[in-house]
C-alpha atoms as a PDB file:
ATOM      1  CA  MET A   1      -6.089   3.938   3.007  1.00  0.00           C
ATOM      2  CA  ARG A   2      -9.502   3.445   1.428  1.00  0.00           C
ATOM      3  CA  TYR A   3      -9.537   0.373  -0.756  1.00  0.00           C
ATOM      4  CA  GLN A   4     -13.319   0.345  -1.052  1.00  0.00           C
ATOM      5  CA  PHE A   5     -14.521  -1.632  -4.042  1.00  0.00           C
ATOM      6  CA  GLN A   6     -17.468  -0.056  -5.795  1.00  0.00           C
ATOM      7  CA  SER A   7     -19.923  -1.056  -8.467  1.00  0.00           C
ATOM      8  CA  ASP A   8     -20.740   1.920 -10.666  1.00  0.00           C
ATOM      9  CA  PHE A   9     -22.803   1.482 -13.832  1.00  0.00           C
ATOM     10  CA  SER A  10     -22.576   5.101 -14.989  1.00  0.00           C
ATOM     11  CA  ARG A  11     -21.135   5.915 -18.407  1.00  0.00           C
ATOM     12  CA  GLY A  12     -20.472   9.602 -18.167  1.00  0.00           C
ATOM     13  CA  ARG A  13     -18.480  10.251 -15.011  1.00  0.00           C
ATOM     14  CA  TYR A  14     -15.314  11.705 -16.524  1.00  0.00           C
ATOM     15  CA  SER A  15     -14.884  14.836 -14.386  1.00  0.00           C
ATOM     16  CA  ARG A  16     -11.680  13.236 -13.042  1.00  0.00           C
ATOM     17  CA  LEU A  17     -10.066  13.892 -16.442  1.00  0.00           C
ATOM     18  CA  HIS A  18     -10.284  17.642 -16.065  1.00  0.00           C
ATOM     19  CA  PHE A  19      -7.516  17.969 -13.507  1.00  0.00           C
ATOM     20  CA  LEU A  20      -4.132  16.618 -12.560  1.00  0.00           C
ATOM     21  CA  THR A  21      -3.748  15.420  -9.005  1.00  0.00           C
ATOM     22  CA  ASP A  22      -0.521  16.117  -7.109  1.00  0.00           C
ATOM     23  CA  ALA A  23       1.143  12.690  -7.356  1.00  0.00           C
ATOM     24  CA  ILE A  24       0.317  12.361 -11.046  1.00  0.00           C
ATOM     25  CA  LYS A  25       1.773  15.818 -11.705  1.00  0.00           C
ATOM     26  CA  ILE A  26       5.018  14.675 -10.096  1.00  0.00           C
ATOM     27  CA  ILE A  27       5.168  11.375 -12.006  1.00  0.00           C
ATOM     28  CA  ILE A  28       4.323  12.907 -15.399  1.00  0.00           C
ATOM     29  CA  SER A  29       6.747  15.806 -14.897  1.00  0.00           C
ATOM     30  CA  ILE A  30       9.634  13.472 -14.054  1.00  0.00           C
ATOM     31  CA  ASN A  31       8.905  11.160 -16.999  1.00  0.00           C
ATOM     32  CA  ILE A  32       8.567  13.982 -19.529  1.00  0.00           C
ATOM     33  CA  LEU A  33      11.697  15.746 -18.233  1.00  0.00           C
ATOM     34  CA  ILE A  34      13.783  12.553 -18.441  1.00  0.00           C
ATOM     35  CA  PHE A  35      12.420  11.795 -21.917  1.00  0.00           C
ATOM     36  CA  ILE A  36      13.425  15.280 -23.106  1.00  0.00           C
ATOM     37  CA  LEU A  37      16.900  14.736 -21.658  1.00  0.00           C
ATOM     38  CA  GLN A  38      17.095  11.406 -23.535  1.00  0.00           C
ATOM     39  CA  ILE A  39      16.279  13.156 -26.814  1.00  0.00           C
ATOM     40  CA  ILE A  40      18.770  15.963 -26.184  1.00  0.00           C
ATOM     41  CA  SER A  41      21.548  13.548 -25.247  1.00  0.00           C
ATOM     42  CA  GLY A  42      21.337  11.650 -28.540  1.00  0.00           C
ATOM     43  CA  LYS A  43      20.943   7.957 -29.360  1.00  0.00           C
ATOM     44  CA  GLU A  44      24.308   6.734 -28.133  1.00  0.00           C
ATOM     45  CA  THR A  45      24.071   8.458 -24.768  1.00  0.00           C
ATOM     46  CA  ALA A  46      20.429   7.414 -24.418  1.00  0.00           C
ATOM     47  CA  ASN A  47      21.461   3.798 -25.031  1.00  0.00           C
ATOM     48  CA  ILE A  48      24.073   4.088 -22.272  1.00  0.00           C
ATOM     49  CA  LEU A  49      21.439   5.553 -19.949  1.00  0.00           C
ATOM     50  CA  HIS A  50      19.065   2.691 -20.758  1.00  0.00           C
ATOM     51  CA  HIS A  51      21.723   0.129 -19.809  1.00  0.00           C
ATOM     52  CA  LEU A  52      22.557   2.063 -16.669  1.00  0.00           C
ATOM     53  CA  PHE A  53      19.084   2.988 -15.428  1.00  0.00           C
ATOM     54  CA  GLY A  54      16.874   0.470 -17.222  1.00  0.00           C
ATOM     55  CA  ILE A  55      16.547  -3.099 -15.959  1.00  0.00           C
ATOM     56  CA  VAL A  56      19.364  -5.285 -17.266  1.00  0.00           C
ATOM     57  CA  PRO A  57      18.894  -8.481 -15.198  1.00  0.00           C
ATOM     58  CA  GLY A  58      22.338  -9.849 -16.024  1.00  0.00           C
ATOM     59  CA  GLN A  59      23.873  -6.744 -14.435  1.00  0.00           C
ATOM     60  CA  THR A  60      21.366  -5.781 -11.741  1.00  0.00           C
ATOM     61  CA  TRP A  61      22.778  -8.219  -9.196  1.00  0.00           C
ATOM     62  CA  SER A  62      26.174  -9.121 -10.638  1.00  0.00           C
ATOM     63  CA  ARG A  63      27.220  -5.464 -10.715  1.00  0.00           C
ATOM     64  CA  LEU A  64      25.007  -4.439  -7.778  1.00  0.00           C
ATOM     65  CA  MET A  65      22.940  -2.036  -9.895  1.00  0.00           C
ATOM     66  CA  ILE A  66      20.140  -2.414  -7.385  1.00  0.00           C
ATOM     67  CA  TRP A  67      18.605   0.937  -8.330  1.00  0.00           C
ATOM     68  CA  GLN A  68      17.458  -0.404 -11.708  1.00  0.00           C
ATOM     69  CA  PRO A  69      14.050  -1.833 -10.594  1.00  0.00           C
ATOM     70  CA  PHE A  70      13.212   1.714  -9.512  1.00  0.00           C
ATOM     71  CA  THR A  71      14.817   3.918 -12.149  1.00  0.00           C
ATOM     72  CA  TYR A  72      13.552   1.922 -15.163  1.00  0.00           C
ATOM     73  CA  LEU A  73      10.085   3.324 -14.438  1.00  0.00           C
ATOM     74  CA  PHE A  74      11.123   6.802 -15.595  1.00  0.00           C
ATOM     75  CA  PHE A  75      12.786   6.004 -18.938  1.00  0.00           C
ATOM     76  CA  HIS A  76      10.915   5.343 -22.190  1.00  0.00           C
ATOM     77  CA  GLY A  77      11.833   4.168 -25.652  1.00  0.00           C
ATOM     78  CA  GLY A  78       9.871   6.647 -27.743  1.00  0.00           C
ATOM     79  CA  ILE A  79       7.363   9.485 -27.801  1.00  0.00           C
ATOM     80  CA  VAL A  80       4.383   7.132 -28.261  1.00  0.00           C
ATOM     81  CA  HIS A  81       5.592   4.963 -25.380  1.00  0.00           C
ATOM     82  CA  VAL A  82       5.845   7.799 -22.871  1.00  0.00           C
ATOM     83  CA  LEU A  83       2.718   9.657 -23.995  1.00  0.00           C
ATOM     84  CA  PHE A  84       0.562   6.523 -23.954  1.00  0.00           C
ATOM     85  CA  ASN A  85       1.724   5.539 -20.464  1.00  0.00           C
ATOM     86  CA  MET A  86       1.224   9.048 -19.102  1.00  0.00           C
ATOM     87  CA  PHE A  87      -2.203   9.303 -20.732  1.00  0.00           C
ATOM     88  CA  ILE A  88      -3.368   6.051 -19.096  1.00  0.00           C
ATOM     89  CA  LEU A  89      -1.888   7.187 -15.788  1.00  0.00           C
ATOM     90  CA  TRP A  90      -3.784  10.473 -16.048  1.00  0.00           C
ATOM     91  CA  MET A  91      -7.014   8.888 -17.205  1.00  0.00           C
ATOM     92  CA  PHE A  92      -7.277   6.155 -14.559  1.00  0.00           C
ATOM     93  CA  GLY A  93      -4.934   7.332 -11.828  1.00  0.00           C
ATOM     94  CA  SER A  94      -6.562  10.659 -10.962  1.00  0.00           C
ATOM     95  CA  GLU A  95      -9.587   9.139  -9.306  1.00  0.00           C
ATOM     96  CA  LEU A  96      -7.493   6.566  -7.461  1.00  0.00           C
ATOM     97  CA  GLU A  97      -5.336   9.326  -5.990  1.00  0.00           C
ATOM     98  CA  THR A  98      -8.446  11.322  -5.098  1.00  0.00           C
ATOM     99  CA  ASN A  99      -9.735   8.327  -3.145  1.00  0.00           C
ATOM    100  CA  TRP A 100      -6.448   7.177  -1.612  1.00  0.00           C
ATOM    101  CA  GLY A 101      -4.508  10.400  -1.179  1.00  0.00           C
ATOM    102  CA  LYS A 102      -1.163  11.484  -2.633  1.00  0.00           C
ATOM    103  CA  ARG A 103       1.093   9.483  -0.305  1.00  0.00           C
ATOM    104  CA  GLU A 104      -0.734   6.165  -0.629  1.00  0.00           C
ATOM    105  CA  PHE A 105      -1.091   6.532  -4.403  1.00  0.00           C
ATOM    106  CA  LEU A 106       2.652   7.136  -4.830  1.00  0.00           C
ATOM    107  CA  LYS A 107       3.365   4.191  -2.535  1.00  0.00           C
ATOM    108  CA  TYR A 108       1.144   1.902  -4.610  1.00  0.00           C
ATOM    109  CA  TYR A 109       2.599   3.154  -7.909  1.00  0.00           C
ATOM    110  CA  LEU A 110       6.178   2.540  -6.792  1.00  0.00           C
ATOM    111  CA  VAL A 111       5.490  -0.811  -5.111  1.00  0.00           C
ATOM    112  CA  VAL A 112       3.747  -2.142  -8.213  1.00  0.00           C
ATOM    113  CA  GLY A 113       6.352  -0.697 -10.596  1.00  0.00           C
ATOM    114  CA  VAL A 114       9.346  -1.938  -8.627  1.00  0.00           C
ATOM    115  CA  GLY A 115       7.641  -5.262  -7.891  1.00  0.00           C
ATOM    116  CA  SER A 116       6.949  -5.987 -11.551  1.00  0.00           C
ATOM    117  CA  GLY A 117      10.567  -5.089 -12.347  1.00  0.00           C
ATOM    118  CA  ILE A 118      11.830  -7.567  -9.751  1.00  0.00           C
ATOM    119  CA  VAL A 119       9.600 -10.287 -11.214  1.00  0.00           C
ATOM    120  CA  TRP A 120      11.175  -9.599 -14.622  1.00  0.00           C
ATOM    121  CA  ILE A 121      14.661  -9.988 -13.134  1.00  0.00           C
ATOM    122  CA  ILE A 122      13.716 -13.285 -11.462  1.00  0.00           C
ATOM    123  CA  PHE A 123      12.392 -14.812 -14.693  1.00  0.00           C
ATOM    124  CA  ASN A 124      15.126 -13.374 -16.940  1.00  0.00           C
ATOM    125  CA  PRO A 125      18.233 -13.501 -14.726  1.00  0.00           C
ATOM    126  CA  ASN A 126      20.781 -13.588 -17.572  1.00  0.00           C
ATOM    127  CA  SER A 127      19.209 -11.114 -19.976  1.00  0.00           C
ATOM    128  CA  LEU A 128      21.398  -8.234 -21.131  1.00  0.00           C
ATOM    129  CA  ILE A 129      18.598  -6.414 -22.955  1.00  0.00           C
ATOM    130  CA  PRO A 130      17.529  -3.245 -21.079  1.00  0.00           C
ATOM    131  CA  VAL A 131      13.862  -2.946 -20.168  1.00  0.00           C
ATOM    132  CA  ILE A 132      12.471   0.547 -19.635  1.00  0.00           C
ATOM    133  CA  GLY A 133       9.085   2.169 -19.142  1.00  0.00           C
ATOM    134  CA  ALA A 134       6.341   2.648 -16.580  1.00  0.00           C
ATOM    135  CA  SER A 135       4.100  -0.034 -18.091  1.00  0.00           C
ATOM    136  CA  GLY A 136       4.282  -2.353 -15.070  1.00  0.00           C
ATOM    137  CA  ALA A 137       3.050   0.407 -12.777  1.00  0.00           C
ATOM    138  CA  ILE A 138       0.445   1.497 -15.360  1.00  0.00           C
ATOM    139  CA  TYR A 139      -1.027  -2.008 -15.573  1.00  0.00           C
ATOM    140  CA  GLY A 140      -1.160  -2.014 -11.777  1.00  0.00           C
ATOM    141  CA  ILE A 141      -3.138   1.243 -11.934  1.00  0.00           C
ATOM    142  CA  LEU A 142      -5.566  -0.331 -14.413  1.00  0.00           C
ATOM    143  CA  LEU A 143      -6.021  -3.340 -12.131  1.00  0.00           C
ATOM    144  CA  ALA A 144      -6.712  -1.127  -9.098  1.00  0.00           C
ATOM    145  CA  TYR A 145      -9.227   0.947 -11.062  1.00  0.00           C
ATOM    146  CA  ALA A 146     -11.026  -2.180 -12.267  1.00  0.00           C
ATOM    147  CA  LEU A 147     -11.291  -3.479  -8.704  1.00  0.00           C
ATOM    148  CA  MET A 148     -12.674  -0.204  -7.402  1.00  0.00           C
ATOM    149  CA  PHE A 149     -14.941   0.705 -10.315  1.00  0.00           C
ATOM    150  CA  PRO A 150     -15.573  -2.555 -12.200  1.00  0.00           C
ATOM    151  CA  ASN A 151     -18.695  -1.392 -14.017  1.00  0.00           C
ATOM    152  CA  ARG A 152     -17.472   1.959 -15.260  1.00  0.00           C
ATOM    153  CA  TYR A 153     -17.328   2.226 -19.052  1.00  0.00           C
ATOM    154  CA  VAL A 154     -14.333   3.035 -21.213  1.00  0.00           C
ATOM    155  CA  TYR A 155     -14.394   3.387 -24.970  1.00  0.00           C
ATOM    156  CA  LEU A 156     -12.176   0.930 -26.796  1.00  0.00           C
ATOM    157  CA  TYR A 157     -10.494   2.771 -29.669  1.00  0.00           C
ATOM    158  CA  PHE A 158     -12.698   5.711 -28.565  1.00  0.00           C
ATOM    159  CA  LEU A 159     -15.682   3.972 -30.164  1.00  0.00           C
ATOM    160  CA  LEU A 160     -16.749   0.738 -28.463  1.00  0.00           C
ATOM    161  CA  PRO A 161     -18.074   1.021 -24.880  1.00  0.00           C
ATOM    162  CA  ILE A 162     -16.780  -1.714 -22.599  1.00  0.00           C
ATOM    163  CA  ARG A 163     -16.873  -2.099 -18.841  1.00  0.00           C
ATOM    164  CA  VAL A 164     -13.526  -1.581 -17.147  1.00  0.00           C
ATOM    165  CA  LYS A 165     -13.462  -5.049 -15.593  1.00  0.00           C
ATOM    166  CA  TYR A 166     -13.734  -6.734 -19.002  1.00  0.00           C
ATOM    167  CA  PHE A 167     -11.248  -4.314 -20.501  1.00  0.00           C
ATOM    168  CA  VAL A 168      -8.651  -5.148 -17.835  1.00  0.00           C
ATOM    169  CA  ILE A 169      -9.355  -8.894 -18.072  1.00  0.00           C
ATOM    170  CA  PHE A 170      -8.743  -8.644 -21.813  1.00  0.00           C
ATOM    171  CA  LEU A 171      -5.457  -6.782 -21.288  1.00  0.00           C
ATOM    172  CA  GLY A 172      -4.378  -9.294 -18.646  1.00  0.00           C
ATOM    173  CA  ALA A 173      -5.150 -12.223 -20.928  1.00  0.00           C
ATOM    174  CA  MET A 174      -3.228 -10.614 -23.777  1.00  0.00           C
ATOM    175  CA  ALA A 175      -0.229 -10.015 -21.512  1.00  0.00           C
ATOM    176  CA  PHE A 176      -0.380 -13.586 -20.226  1.00  0.00           C
ATOM    177  CA  PHE A 177      -0.478 -15.293 -23.619  1.00  0.00           C
ATOM    178  CA  SER A 178       2.106 -12.888 -25.035  1.00  0.00           C
ATOM    179  CA  SER A 179       4.444 -13.686 -22.121  1.00  0.00           C
ATOM    180  CA  LEU A 180       4.248 -17.387 -23.067  1.00  0.00           C
ATOM    181  CA  ASN A 181       5.703 -16.634 -26.484  1.00  0.00           C
ATOM    182  CA  SER A 182       9.370 -17.584 -26.384  1.00  0.00           C
ATOM    183  CA  GLY A 183      10.170 -15.498 -29.438  1.00  0.00           C
ATOM    184  CA  TYR A 184      11.875 -12.128 -29.133  1.00  0.00           C
ATOM    185  CA  SER A 185       9.649  -9.153 -28.517  1.00  0.00           C
ATOM    186  CA  SER A 186      10.572  -5.573 -27.766  1.00  0.00           C
ATOM    187  CA  ILE A 187       7.613  -5.471 -25.371  1.00  0.00           C
ATOM    188  CA  ALA A 188       8.120  -7.012 -21.915  1.00  0.00           C
ATOM    189  CA  HIS A 189       4.650  -8.561 -21.589  1.00  0.00           C
ATOM    190  CA  LEU A 190       5.641 -10.305 -18.367  1.00  0.00           C
ATOM    191  CA  ILE A 191       6.095  -6.909 -16.720  1.00  0.00           C
ATOM    192  CA  HIS A 192       2.539  -5.966 -17.731  1.00  0.00           C
ATOM    193  CA  LEU A 193       1.190  -9.167 -16.226  1.00  0.00           C
ATOM    194  CA  SER A 194       3.395  -8.768 -13.150  1.00  0.00           C
ATOM    195  CA  GLY A 195       2.120  -5.228 -12.624  1.00  0.00           C
ATOM    196  CA  MET A 196      -1.415  -6.600 -12.363  1.00  0.00           C
ATOM    197  CA  GLY A 197      -0.346  -9.501 -10.172  1.00  0.00           C
ATOM    198  CA  VAL A 198       1.693  -7.396  -7.753  1.00  0.00           C
ATOM    199  CA  GLY A 199      -1.067  -4.783  -7.658  1.00  0.00           C
ATOM    200  CA  TYR A 200      -3.696  -7.391  -6.829  1.00  0.00           C
ATOM    201  CA  LEU A 201      -1.592  -8.935  -4.064  1.00  0.00           C
ATOM    202  CA  TYR A 202      -0.789  -5.510  -2.651  1.00  0.00           C
ATOM    203  CA  LEU A 203      -4.393  -4.356  -2.552  1.00  0.00           C
ATOM    204  CA  ARG A 204      -5.726  -7.610  -1.173  1.00  0.00           C
ATOM    205  CA  SER A 205      -2.963  -7.990   1.405  1.00  0.00           C
ATOM    206  CA  ASN A 206      -3.576  -4.441   2.650  1.00  0.00           C
ATOM    207  CA  PHE A 207      -7.273  -5.232   2.845  1.00  0.00           C
ATOM    208  CA  GLN A 208      -6.596  -8.429   4.794  1.00  0.00           C
ATOM    209  CA  TRP A 209      -4.063  -6.744   7.060  1.00  0.00           C
ATOM    210  CA  SER A 210      -6.591  -4.072   7.906  1.00  0.00           C
ATOM    211  CA  LEU A 211      -8.986  -6.793   9.009  1.00  0.00           C
ATOM    212  CA  ILE A 212      -6.247  -8.492  11.003  1.00  0.00           C
ATOM    213  CA  ARG A 213      -5.283  -5.215  12.681  1.00  0.00           C
ATOM    214  CA  LYS A 214      -8.924  -4.577  13.468  1.00  0.00           C
ATOM    215  CA  PHE A 215      -9.239  -8.056  15.010  1.00  0.00           C
ATOM    216  CA  PHE A 216      -6.138  -7.629  17.185  1.00  0.00           C
ATOM    217  CA  ASN A 217      -7.220  -4.148  18.233  1.00  0.00           C
ATOM    218  CA  GLN A 218     -10.574  -5.572  19.308  1.00  0.00           C
ATOM    219  CA  GLN A 219      -8.814  -8.319  21.244  1.00  0.00           C
ATOM    220  CA  LYS A 220      -6.466  -5.769  22.806  1.00  0.00           C
ATOM    221  CA  ASP A 221      -9.390  -3.535  23.798  1.00  0.00           C
ATOM    222  CA  GLY A 222     -11.174  -6.545  25.276  1.00  0.00           C
ATOM    223  CA  LEU A 223      -8.128  -7.591  27.299  1.00  0.00           C
ATOM    224  CA  THR A 224      -7.586  -4.021  28.467  1.00  0.00           C
ATOM    225  CA  GLN A 225     -11.194  -3.757  29.569  1.00  0.00           C
ATOM    226  CA  ARG A 226     -11.040  -7.097  31.375  1.00  0.00           C
ATOM    227  CA  TYR A 227      -7.817  -6.042  33.085  1.00  0.00           C
ATOM    228  CA  LYS A 228      -9.381  -2.776  34.219  1.00  0.00           C
ATOM    229  CA  THR A 229     -12.488  -4.589  35.465  1.00  0.00           C
ATOM    230  CA  LYS A 230     -10.408  -7.146  37.343  1.00  0.00           C
ATOM    231  CA  LYS A 231      -8.192  -4.417  38.792  1.00  0.00           C
ATOM    232  CA  GLN A 232     -11.215  -2.402  39.879  1.00  0.00           C
ATOM    233  CA  ALA A 233     -12.673  -5.464  41.573  1.00  0.00           C
ATOM    234  CA  LYS A 234      -9.434  -5.983  43.540  1.00  0.00           C
ATOM    235  CA  ILE A 235      -9.440  -2.338  44.623  1.00  0.00           C
ATOM    236  CA  GLU A 236     -13.036  -2.624  45.802  1.00  0.00           C
ATOM    237  CA  GLU A 237     -12.152  -5.774  47.696  1.00  0.00           C
ATOM    238  CA  LEU A 238      -9.174  -4.001  49.286  1.00  0.00           C
ATOM    239  CA  ARG A 239     -11.356  -1.064  50.312  1.00  0.00           C
ATOM    240  CA  LEU A 240     -13.877  -3.433  51.838  1.00  0.00           C
ATOM    241  CA  GLU A 241     -11.181  -5.061  53.983  1.00  0.00           C
ATOM    242  CA  VAL A 242      -9.869  -1.623  55.008  1.00  0.00           C
ATOM    243  CA  ASP A 243     -13.395  -0.547  56.001  1.00  0.00           C
ATOM    244  CA  GLN A 244     -13.721  -3.644  58.153  1.00  0.00           C
ATOM    245  CA  ILE A 245     -10.472  -2.815  59.997  1.00  0.00           C
ATOM    246  CA  LEU A 246     -11.545   0.820  60.395  1.00  0.00           C
ATOM    247  CA  ASP A 247     -14.831  -0.354  61.888  1.00  0.00           C
ATOM    248  CA  LYS A 248     -12.848  -2.478  64.349  1.00  0.00           C
ATOM    249  CA  ILE A 249     -10.718   0.563  65.267  1.00  0.00           C
ATOM    250  CA  ASN A 250     -13.897   2.506  66.015  1.00  0.00           C
ATOM    251  CA  GLU A 251     -15.050  -0.276  68.315  1.00  0.00           C
ATOM    252  CA  VAL A 252     -11.867  -1.266  70.210  1.00  0.00           C
ATOM    253  CA  GLY A 253      -9.214   1.289  69.206  1.00  0.00           C
ATOM    254  CA  TYR A 254      -6.059   1.135  67.070  1.00  0.00           C
ATOM    255  CA  ASP A 255      -3.896  -0.416  69.797  1.00  0.00           C
ATOM    256  CA  ALA A 256      -6.169  -3.454  69.944  1.00  0.00           C
ATOM    257  CA  LEU A 257      -5.323  -4.378  66.341  1.00  0.00           C
ATOM    258  CA  MET A 258      -3.011  -7.291  65.643  1.00  0.00           C
ATOM    259  CA  LYS A 259       0.350  -6.522  64.013  1.00  0.00           C
ATOM    260  CA  SER A 260      -0.766  -8.173  60.757  1.00  0.00           C
ATOM    261  CA  GLU A 261      -3.850  -5.923  60.649  1.00  0.00           C
ATOM    262  CA  LYS A 262      -1.722  -2.812  61.270  1.00  0.00           C
ATOM    263  CA  ASP A 263       0.705  -3.840  58.506  1.00  0.00           C
ATOM    264  CA  PHE A 264      -2.170  -4.576  56.135  1.00  0.00           C
ATOM    265  CA  LEU A 265      -3.776  -1.199  56.858  1.00  0.00           C
ATOM    266  CA  TYR A 266      -0.477   0.583  56.187  1.00  0.00           C
ATOM    267  CA  GLU A 267       0.167  -1.185  52.870  1.00  0.00           C
ATOM    268  CA  ALA A 268      -3.455  -0.856  51.775  1.00  0.00           C
ATOM    269  CA  SER A 269      -3.461   2.889  52.456  1.00  0.00           C
ATOM    270  CA  LYS A 270      -0.389   3.327  50.222  1.00  0.00           C
ATOM    271  CA  LYS A 271      -1.984   1.340  47.375  1.00  0.00           C
ATOM    272  CA  LEU A 272      -5.255   3.243  47.601  1.00  0.00           C
ATOM    273  CA  SER A 273      -3.413   6.564  47.704  1.00  0.00           C
ATOM    274  CA  LYS A 274      -1.549   5.684  44.487  1.00  0.00           C
ATOM    275  CA  GLU A 275      -4.791   4.707  42.746  1.00  0.00           C
ATOM    276  CA  GLU A 276      -6.475   7.943  43.765  1.00  0.00           C
ATOM    277  CA  ALA A 277      -3.437   9.926  42.519  1.00  0.00           C
ATOM    278  CA  ARG A 278      -3.700   8.170  39.109  1.00  0.00           C
ATOM    279  CA  ASP A 279      -7.386   8.908  38.853  1.00  0.00           C
END
């Protein structure tokens, strides 16, 4: 997976907005379909669905509703909520998927979304208020985009140009200070912050693991090469000893060899035959 981090100062590179990549098509389709089903089902049924498929920390573990950190990503509380999340996903996710590929993009989206949901459960273990929405995953997408294209420009309120890295820092700071507010809020700011945190750890850990794998592969290749060199040296030494015995046979005949020399010649011929068969 290509987690290359780039520095792009261009303002006008928005060709990525003119198409929907495969993974984003899947995510948007599922979210829109579920939202339509929520509307059709009515408020009471939708509320039941939110308690069943949203994150309700007080029930997630006590009632073994372990699917909630996954399913909450696909339910939303209103038309603005779902459209805004899907718009941000489309706007910033398309280029990430183009760079990473469908499979890796979906993996990142789900890991960040589920991870931020688990963080919410850990810090609110007794809450009975359902939390729904893809915002945790969306903030993870924003974080990944800022790491890869820190100097791209976005237009705040469609008017003010601001580099993506500052835009994401601003959002992260807002989520952090909002999460410190102990008062009730219908917005789970901690999930936003967690989405960024989990996304950062995921990207950096994958980057570090790739270096570690590269290091061990280099060590493995080195050991393999040393083993082959050492093995080749032993074979050459064996052949040299065999040649010496063959020279002796030419001089005095096979019957003049000692028993140990005959045994050695027999065993050596088998070993050399096996090596030649492998080659």
